C-alpha atoms as a PDB file:
ATOM      1  CA  MET A   1       0.079   9.934 -10.156  1.00  0.00           C
ATOM      2  CA  GLU A   2       3.624   9.589  -9.121  1.00  0.00           C
ATOM      3  CA  ARG A   3       5.367   7.035  -6.891  1.00  0.00           C
ATOM      4  CA  ARG A   4       7.794   8.750  -4.543  1.00  0.00           C
ATOM      5  CA  ALA A   5      10.408   7.432  -2.043  1.00  0.00           C
ATOM      6  CA  PHE A   6      12.212   9.288   0.650  1.00  0.00           C
ATOM      7  CA  ILE A   7      14.554   8.588   3.560  1.00  0.00           C
ATOM      8  CA  ILE A   8      14.721   9.759   7.143  1.00  0.00           C
ATOM      9  CA  GLN A   9      17.921   9.052   9.077  1.00  0.00           C
ATOM     10  CA  ALA A  10      17.919   8.840  12.906  1.00  0.00           C
ATOM     11  CA  ALA A  11      21.680   8.425  13.685  1.00  0.00           C
ATOM     12  CA  GLY A  12      21.908   7.510  17.341  1.00  0.00           C
ATOM     13  CA  CYS A  13      18.275   7.995  18.056  1.00  0.00           C
ATOM     14  CA  ARG A  14      16.528   5.252  16.234  1.00  0.00           C
ATOM     15  CA  ASP A  15      14.402   3.809  18.981  1.00  0.00           C
ATOM     16  CA  ALA A  16      13.254   7.335  20.079  1.00  0.00           C
ATOM     17  CA  VAL A  17      12.179   8.068  16.475  1.00  0.00           C
ATOM     18  CA  LYS A  18      10.452   4.560  16.047  1.00  0.00           C
ATOM     19  CA  GLN A  19       8.592   5.261  19.167  1.00  0.00           C
ATOM     20  CA  VAL A  20       7.283   8.589  18.391  1.00  0.00           C
ATOM     21  CA  LEU A  21       6.356   7.499  14.871  1.00  0.00           C
ATOM     22  CA  THR A  22       4.521   4.513  16.066  1.00  0.00           C
ATOM     23  CA  GLU A  23       2.657   6.648  18.558  1.00  0.00           C
ATOM     24  CA  LYS A  24       1.687   9.204  15.983  1.00  0.00           C
ATOM     25  CA  CYS A  25       0.930   6.501  13.359  1.00  0.00           C
ATOM     26  CA  GLU A  26      -2.887   7.528  13.216  1.00  0.00           C
ATOM     27  CA  ASP A  27      -2.090  11.168  12.834  1.00  0.00           C
ATOM     28  CA  ILE A  28       0.621  10.833  10.169  1.00  0.00           C
ATOM     29  CA  GLN A  29      -1.905   8.400   8.200  1.00  0.00           C
ATOM     30  CA  ASN A  30      -4.606  11.178   8.418  1.00  0.00           C
ATOM     31  CA  ALA A  31      -2.041  13.798   7.201  1.00  0.00           C
ATOM     32  CA  ALA A  32      -1.204  11.696   4.079  1.00  0.00           C
ATOM     33  CA  LYS A  33      -5.057  11.390   3.182  1.00  0.00           C
ATOM     34  CA  ALA A  34      -5.322  15.030   3.485  1.00  0.00           C
ATOM     35  CA  LEU A  35      -2.224  15.670   1.306  1.00  0.00           C
ATOM     36  CA  LYS A  36      -3.602  13.143  -1.097  1.00  0.00           C
ATOM     37  CA  VAL A  37      -0.618  10.821  -0.695  1.00  0.00           C
ATOM     38  CA  GLY A  38      -2.061   7.225  -1.157  1.00  0.00           C
ATOM     39  CA  ASN A  39      -0.639   3.740  -0.358  1.00  0.00           C
ATOM     40  CA  PHE A  40       1.756   5.345   2.200  1.00  0.00           C
ATOM     41  CA  SER A  41       3.986   3.129   4.378  1.00  0.00           C
ATOM     42  CA  VAL A  42       7.088   3.775   6.370  1.00  0.00           C
ATOM     43  CA  TRP A  43       9.631   1.008   7.012  1.00  0.00           C
ATOM     44  CA  ASN A  44      12.651   0.763   9.449  1.00  0.00           C
ATOM     45  CA  ILE A  45      16.010  -0.957   9.171  1.00  0.00           C
ATOM     46  CA  GLU A  46      19.092   0.150  11.113  1.00  0.00           C
ATOM     47  CA  ASP A  47      18.965   3.984  11.666  1.00  0.00           C
ATOM     48  CA  LEU A  48      17.007   4.600   8.323  1.00  0.00           C
ATOM     49  CA  PHE A  49      13.410   5.172   7.895  1.00  0.00           C
ATOM     50  CA  LEU A  50      12.320   4.324   4.187  1.00  0.00           C
ATOM     51  CA  CYS A  51       9.053   6.022   3.218  1.00  0.00           C
ATOM     52  CA  TYR A  52       6.871   5.209   0.126  1.00  0.00           C
ATOM     53  CA  GLY A  53       3.838   6.799  -1.136  1.00  0.00           C
ATOM     54  CA  GLU A  54       1.683   7.767  -4.346  1.00  0.00           C
ATOM     55  CA  ASP A  55       0.615  11.290  -4.878  1.00  0.00           C
ATOM     56  CA  GLU A  56      -0.663  13.443  -7.773  1.00  0.00           C
ATOM     57  CA  GLU A  57       0.159  16.918  -6.430  1.00  0.00           C
ATOM     58  CA  ASN A  58       3.565  16.209  -4.820  1.00  0.00           C
ATOM     59  CA  GLY A  59       1.998  16.027  -1.398  1.00  0.00           C
ATOM     60  CA  ALA A  60       4.857  13.698  -0.417  1.00  0.00           C
ATOM     61  CA  SER A  61       7.242  16.932   0.184  1.00  0.00           C
ATOM     62  CA  ALA A  62       4.606  18.178   2.758  1.00  0.00           C
ATOM     63  CA  LEU A  63       4.275  14.910   4.279  1.00  0.00           C
ATOM     64  CA  ALA A  64       7.998  14.623   4.661  1.00  0.00           C
ATOM     65  CA  GLU A  65       8.249  17.852   6.498  1.00  0.00           C
ATOM     66  CA  ASN A  66       5.226  16.506   8.738  1.00  0.00           C
ATOM     67  CA  LEU A  67       7.245  13.343   9.497  1.00  0.00           C
ATOM     68  CA  MET A  68      10.272  15.244  10.344  1.00  0.00           C
ATOM     69  CA  GLU A  69       8.463  17.589  12.671  1.00  0.00           C
ATOM     70  CA  ALA A  70       7.026  14.516  14.396  1.00  0.00           C
ATOM     71  CA  ALA A  71      10.680  12.655  14.415  1.00  0.00           C
ATOM     72  CA  GLY A  72      12.078  15.471  16.167  1.00  0.00           C
ATOM     73  CA  GLU A  73      15.758  16.563  16.929  1.00  0.00           C
ATOM     74  CA  GLY A  74      18.245  13.973  15.823  1.00  0.00           C
ATOM     75  CA  ALA A  75      16.447  12.851  12.720  1.00  0.00           C
ATOM     76  CA  ALA A  76      17.488  14.198   9.255  1.00  0.00           C
ATOM     77  CA  LEU A  77      15.979  13.967   5.897  1.00  0.00           C
ATOM     78  CA  LEU A  78      18.647  12.125   4.108  1.00  0.00           C
ATOM     79  CA  CYS A  79      16.646  11.915   0.894  1.00  0.00           C
ATOM     80  CA  ALA A  80      13.772  14.371  -0.001  1.00  0.00           C
ATOM     81  CA  PRO A  81      10.853  13.190  -2.073  1.00  0.00           C
ATOM     82  CA  GLY A  82      11.733  13.557  -5.690  1.00  0.00           C
ATOM     83  CA  THR A  83      15.484  13.310  -5.208  1.00  0.00           C
ATOM     84  CA  MET A  84      15.777   9.487  -5.316  1.00  0.00           C
ATOM     85  CA  ARG A  85      16.753   7.990  -8.621  1.00  0.00           C
ATOM     86  CA  LEU A  86      14.375   5.274 -10.047  1.00  0.00           C
ATOM     87  CA  MET A  87      16.704   2.254 -10.614  1.00  0.00           C
ATOM     88  CA  TYR A  88      13.980  -0.452 -11.822  1.00  0.00           C
ATOM     89  CA  HIS A  89      10.358  -0.780 -12.111  1.00  0.00           C
ATOM     90  CA  ASP A  90       7.947  -3.567 -12.802  1.00  0.00           C
ATOM     91  CA  ILE A  91       4.450  -2.124 -12.023  1.00  0.00           C
ATOM     92  CA  GLY A  92       2.462  -5.017 -13.709  1.00  0.00           C
ATOM     93  CA  ILE A  93      -1.050  -5.051 -12.446  1.00  0.00           C
ATOM     94  CA  VAL A  94      -1.527  -2.988  -9.204  1.00  0.00           C
ATOM     95  CA  ARG A  95      -4.024  -4.747  -6.874  1.00  0.00           C
ATOM     96  CA  GLU A  96      -6.086  -1.911  -5.449  1.00  0.00           C
ATOM     97  CA  ASP A  97      -7.302  -4.352  -2.770  1.00  0.00           C
ATOM     98  CA  LYS A  98      -3.946  -4.684  -0.522  1.00  0.00           C
ATOM     99  CA  SER A  99      -5.428  -7.848   1.191  1.00  0.00           C
ATOM    100  CA  LEU A 100      -4.297  -9.677  -1.952  1.00  0.00           C
ATOM    101  CA  ILE A 101      -0.641  -8.707  -1.724  1.00  0.00           C
ATOM    102  CA  ARG A 102       2.053  -9.044   0.827  1.00  0.00           C
ATOM    103  CA  HIS A 103       5.004  -6.778   0.933  1.00  0.00           C
ATOM    104  CA  ARG A 104       8.481  -7.184  -0.019  1.00  0.00           C
ATOM    105  CA  VAL A 105      10.589  -4.082   1.166  1.00  0.00           C
ATOM    106  CA  PHE A 106      14.463  -4.379   1.240  1.00  0.00           C
ATOM    107  CA  SER A 107      17.538  -1.977   1.511  1.00  0.00           C
ATOM    108  CA  THR A 108      21.180  -2.472   0.537  1.00  0.00           C
ATOM    109  CA  LYS A 109      24.083  -0.214   0.360  1.00  0.00           C
ATOM    110  CA  LEU A 110      25.981  -0.061  -2.939  1.00  0.00           C
ATOM    111  CA  LYS A 111      29.688  -0.267  -2.976  1.00  0.00           C
ATOM    112  CA  LEU A 112      31.615   2.848  -3.858  1.00  0.00           C
ATOM    113  CA  GLY A 113      31.189   3.644  -7.745  1.00  0.00           C
ATOM    114  CA  CYS A 114      28.599   0.885  -8.545  1.00  0.00           C
ATOM    115  CA  GLU A 115      25.594   3.182  -9.060  1.00  0.00           C
ATOM    116  CA  GLU A 116      25.782   2.823 -12.809  1.00  0.00           C
ATOM    117  CA  GLU A 117      26.578  -0.905 -12.857  1.00  0.00           C
ATOM    118  CA  TYR A 118      23.483  -1.514 -10.676  1.00  0.00           C
ATOM    119  CA  LYS A 119      21.399   0.486 -12.962  1.00  0.00           C
ATOM    120  CA  ARG A 120      22.634  -1.342 -16.122  1.00  0.00           C
ATOM    121  CA  ARG A 121      21.927  -4.653 -14.587  1.00  0.00           C
ATOM    122  CA  HIS A 122      18.425  -3.884 -13.949  1.00  0.00           C
ATOM    123  CA  ASP A 123      17.772  -2.031 -17.354  1.00  0.00           C
ATOM    124  CA  ARG A 124      18.716  -5.383 -18.748  1.00  0.00           C
ATOM    125  CA  LEU A 125      15.856  -7.002 -16.861  1.00  0.00           C
ATOM    126  CA  ILE A 126      13.446  -4.260 -18.127  1.00  0.00           C
ATOM    127  CA  GLU A 127      14.717  -4.766 -21.587  1.00  0.00           C
ATOM    128  CA  ALA A 128      14.161  -8.526 -21.397  1.00  0.00           C
ATOM    129  CA  ARG A 129      10.642  -8.178 -20.379  1.00  0.00           C
ATOM    130  CA  GLY A 130       9.857  -5.774 -23.063  1.00  0.00           C
ATOM    131  CA  ASP A 131       6.303  -4.360 -23.263  1.00  0.00           C
ATOM    132  CA  ALA A 132       4.792  -7.472 -21.449  1.00  0.00           C
ATOM    133  CA  VAL A 133       2.666  -6.750 -18.389  1.00  0.00           C
ATOM    134  CA  SER A 134       2.832  -9.518 -15.970  1.00  0.00           C
ATOM    135  CA  GLU A 135      -0.148 -10.739 -13.735  1.00  0.00           C
ATOM    136  CA  GLY A 136       2.335 -11.336 -10.751  1.00  0.00           C
ATOM    137  CA  PRO A 137       4.090 -12.439  -8.652  1.00  0.00           C
ATOM    138  CA  ASP A 138       5.610  -8.857  -8.842  1.00  0.00           C
ATOM    139  CA  SER A 139       3.287  -5.990  -8.620  1.00  0.00           C
ATOM    140  CA  ASN A 140       3.997  -2.104  -8.024  1.00  0.00           C
ATOM    141  CA  PHE A 141       7.622  -2.875  -8.009  1.00  0.00           C
ATOM    142  CA  THR A 142      10.028   0.067  -7.724  1.00  0.00           C
ATOM    143  CA  ILE A 143      13.525   0.224  -6.706  1.00  0.00           C
ATOM    144  CA  TRP A 144      15.222   3.797  -5.739  1.00  0.00           C
ATOM    145  CA  TYR A 145      18.568   4.984  -4.926  1.00  0.00           C
ATOM    146  CA  GLY A 146      19.712   7.804  -2.735  1.00  0.00           C
ATOM    147  CA  ALA A 147      22.759   8.780  -0.644  1.00  0.00           C
ATOM    148  CA  GLY A 148      24.539   5.554  -1.415  1.00  0.00           C
ATOM    149  CA  TYR A 149      21.518   3.351  -0.440  1.00  0.00           C
ATOM    150  CA  ILE A 150      19.064   0.977  -2.267  1.00  0.00           C
ATOM    151  CA  PHE A 151      15.296   0.998  -1.331  1.00  0.00           C
ATOM    152  CA  GLY A 152      12.956  -1.518  -3.160  1.00  0.00           C
ATOM    153  CA  TYR A 153       9.218  -1.554  -2.641  1.00  0.00           C
ATOM    154  CA  CYS A 154       7.338  -4.533  -3.972  1.00  0.00           C
ATOM    155  CA  GLU A 155       3.601  -5.841  -3.699  1.00  0.00           C
ATOM    156  CA  LYS A 156       3.820  -9.612  -4.044  1.00  0.00           C
ATOM    157  CA  VAL A 157       0.569 -11.032  -5.174  1.00  0.00           C
ATOM    158  CA  LYS A 158      -0.405 -13.817  -2.770  1.00  0.00           C
ATOM    159  CA  SER A 159      -2.121 -15.988  -5.147  1.00  0.00           C
ATOM    160  CA  PHE A 160       1.341 -16.632  -6.967  1.00  0.00           C
ATOM    161  CA  ASP A 161       2.919 -17.866  -3.664  1.00  0.00           C
ATOM    162  CA  HIS A 162       4.528 -21.381  -3.941  1.00  0.00           C
ATOM    163  CA  GLU A 163       7.605 -23.343  -2.687  1.00  0.00           C
ATOM    164  CA  PRO A 164      10.392 -22.291  -4.992  1.00  0.00           C
ATOM    165  CA  THR A 165      11.436 -24.973  -7.481  1.00  0.00           C
ATOM    166  CA  GLU A 166      15.179 -25.883  -7.410  1.00  0.00           C
ATOM    167  CA  ALA A 167      15.708 -24.053 -10.829  1.00  0.00           C
ATOM    168  CA  GLU A 168      14.074 -21.028  -9.308  1.00  0.00           C
ATOM    169  CA  LYS A 169      16.543 -21.438  -6.141  1.00  0.00           C
ATOM    170  CA  ALA A 170      19.394 -21.812  -8.512  1.00  0.00           C
ATOM    171  CA  ALA A 171      18.533 -18.746 -10.503  1.00  0.00           C
ATOM    172  CA  ASP A 172      18.048 -16.624  -7.458  1.00  0.00           C
ATOM    173  CA  ILE A 173      21.500 -17.709  -5.953  1.00  0.00           C
ATOM    174  CA  ALA A 174      23.213 -16.967  -9.273  1.00  0.00           C
ATOM    175  CA  TRP A 175      21.650 -13.440  -9.440  1.00  0.00           C
ATOM    176  CA  GLU A 176      22.201 -12.603  -5.813  1.00  0.00           C
ATOM    177  CA  THR A 177      25.794 -13.978  -5.560  1.00  0.00           C
ATOM    178  CA  ARG A 178      26.679 -11.645  -8.584  1.00  0.00           C
ATOM    179  CA  GLN A 179      24.799  -8.694  -6.922  1.00  0.00           C
ATOM    180  CA  LEU A 180      27.189  -9.134  -3.930  1.00  0.00           C
ATOM    181  CA  GLU A 181      29.945  -7.839  -6.155  1.00  0.00           C
ATOM    182  CA  ILE A 182      28.418  -4.473  -6.253  1.00  0.00           C
ATOM    183  CA  MET A 183      26.317  -4.151  -2.897  1.00  0.00           C
ATOM    184  CA  ASP A 184      25.963  -5.161   0.779  1.00  0.00           C
ATOM    185  CA  TRP A 185      22.735  -6.075   2.209  1.00  0.00           C
ATOM    186  CA  LEU A 186      21.138  -4.286   5.121  1.00  0.00           C
ATOM    187  CA  THR A 187      17.973  -6.427   5.292  1.00  0.00           C
ATOM    188  CA  ASP A 188      17.893 -10.320   5.578  1.00  0.00           C
ATOM    189  CA  ASP A 189      16.742 -11.187   2.164  1.00  0.00           C
ATOM    190  CA  VAL A 190      19.606 -13.255   1.028  1.00  0.00           C
ATOM    191  CA  ASP A 191      20.893 -14.572   4.430  1.00  0.00           C
ATOM    192  CA  TRP A 192      19.471 -18.025   3.242  1.00  0.00           C
ATOM    193  CA  ILE A 193      22.338 -17.700   0.391  1.00  0.00           C
ATOM    194  CA  THR A 194      25.111 -16.027   2.318  1.00  0.00           C
ATOM    195  CA  GLY A 195      24.789 -17.620   5.843  1.00  0.00           C
ATOM    196  CA  GLN A 196      25.065 -13.959   7.338  1.00  0.00           C
ATOM    197  CA  ARG A 197      22.425 -12.166   9.876  1.00  0.00           C
ATOM    198  CA  HIS A 198      20.878  -9.268   9.112  1.00  0.00           C
ATOM    199  CA  GLU A 199      17.620  -7.499  10.516  1.00  0.00           C
ATOM    200  CA  HIS A 200      14.054  -8.028   9.032  1.00  0.00           C
ATOM    201  CA  ILE A 201      12.653  -4.848   7.979  1.00  0.00           C
ATOM    202  CA  GLN A 202       9.786  -3.595  10.210  1.00  0.00           C
ATOM    203  CA  ARG A 203       6.771  -1.643   8.957  1.00  0.00           C
ATOM    204  CA  ILE A 204       6.198   1.385  11.404  1.00  0.00           C
ATOM    205  CA  ILE A 205       3.242   3.020   9.378  1.00  0.00           C
END
């Protein structure tokens, strides 16, 4: 099984594409099943539609074509399945029962020339983790890069939910403040730190 991400861009026609994908949600879900693309979802932020799925026979490529046909004129396949670079992973223990998780899906835009620095910083996290497999809170967590954009998909295990401690908040602030050196947020994940206002990402399918 391969995890795959791809991005559709709807410059100037976001609302129209959102509407048609919402209306055809059931048909698209059925197409994903027929193409053996599991755990498929589509998320919208600004004019980007971020798509994630898990397949065994590269059915995501055919599914991307299906979505492009549904989206209609004005939409473009910004990053095709198989072309996005995997920047980070923490798969952990994947919960097949999705009622046990909540999604965290986010997007940023890297500053010019910062792709390798972003990868280096996240490689260090993987090195620090070593071979340890975590029960949570992160599960099935991957971060992808393409066309200047970062797209993160994570299944947060609900049983680990808690109010963050002061130490956890301080660690988050330190990490995210440093990350602002190399990227700008599209989603609202760190608005509580920066005081800025961004959209909350919306699940379409």
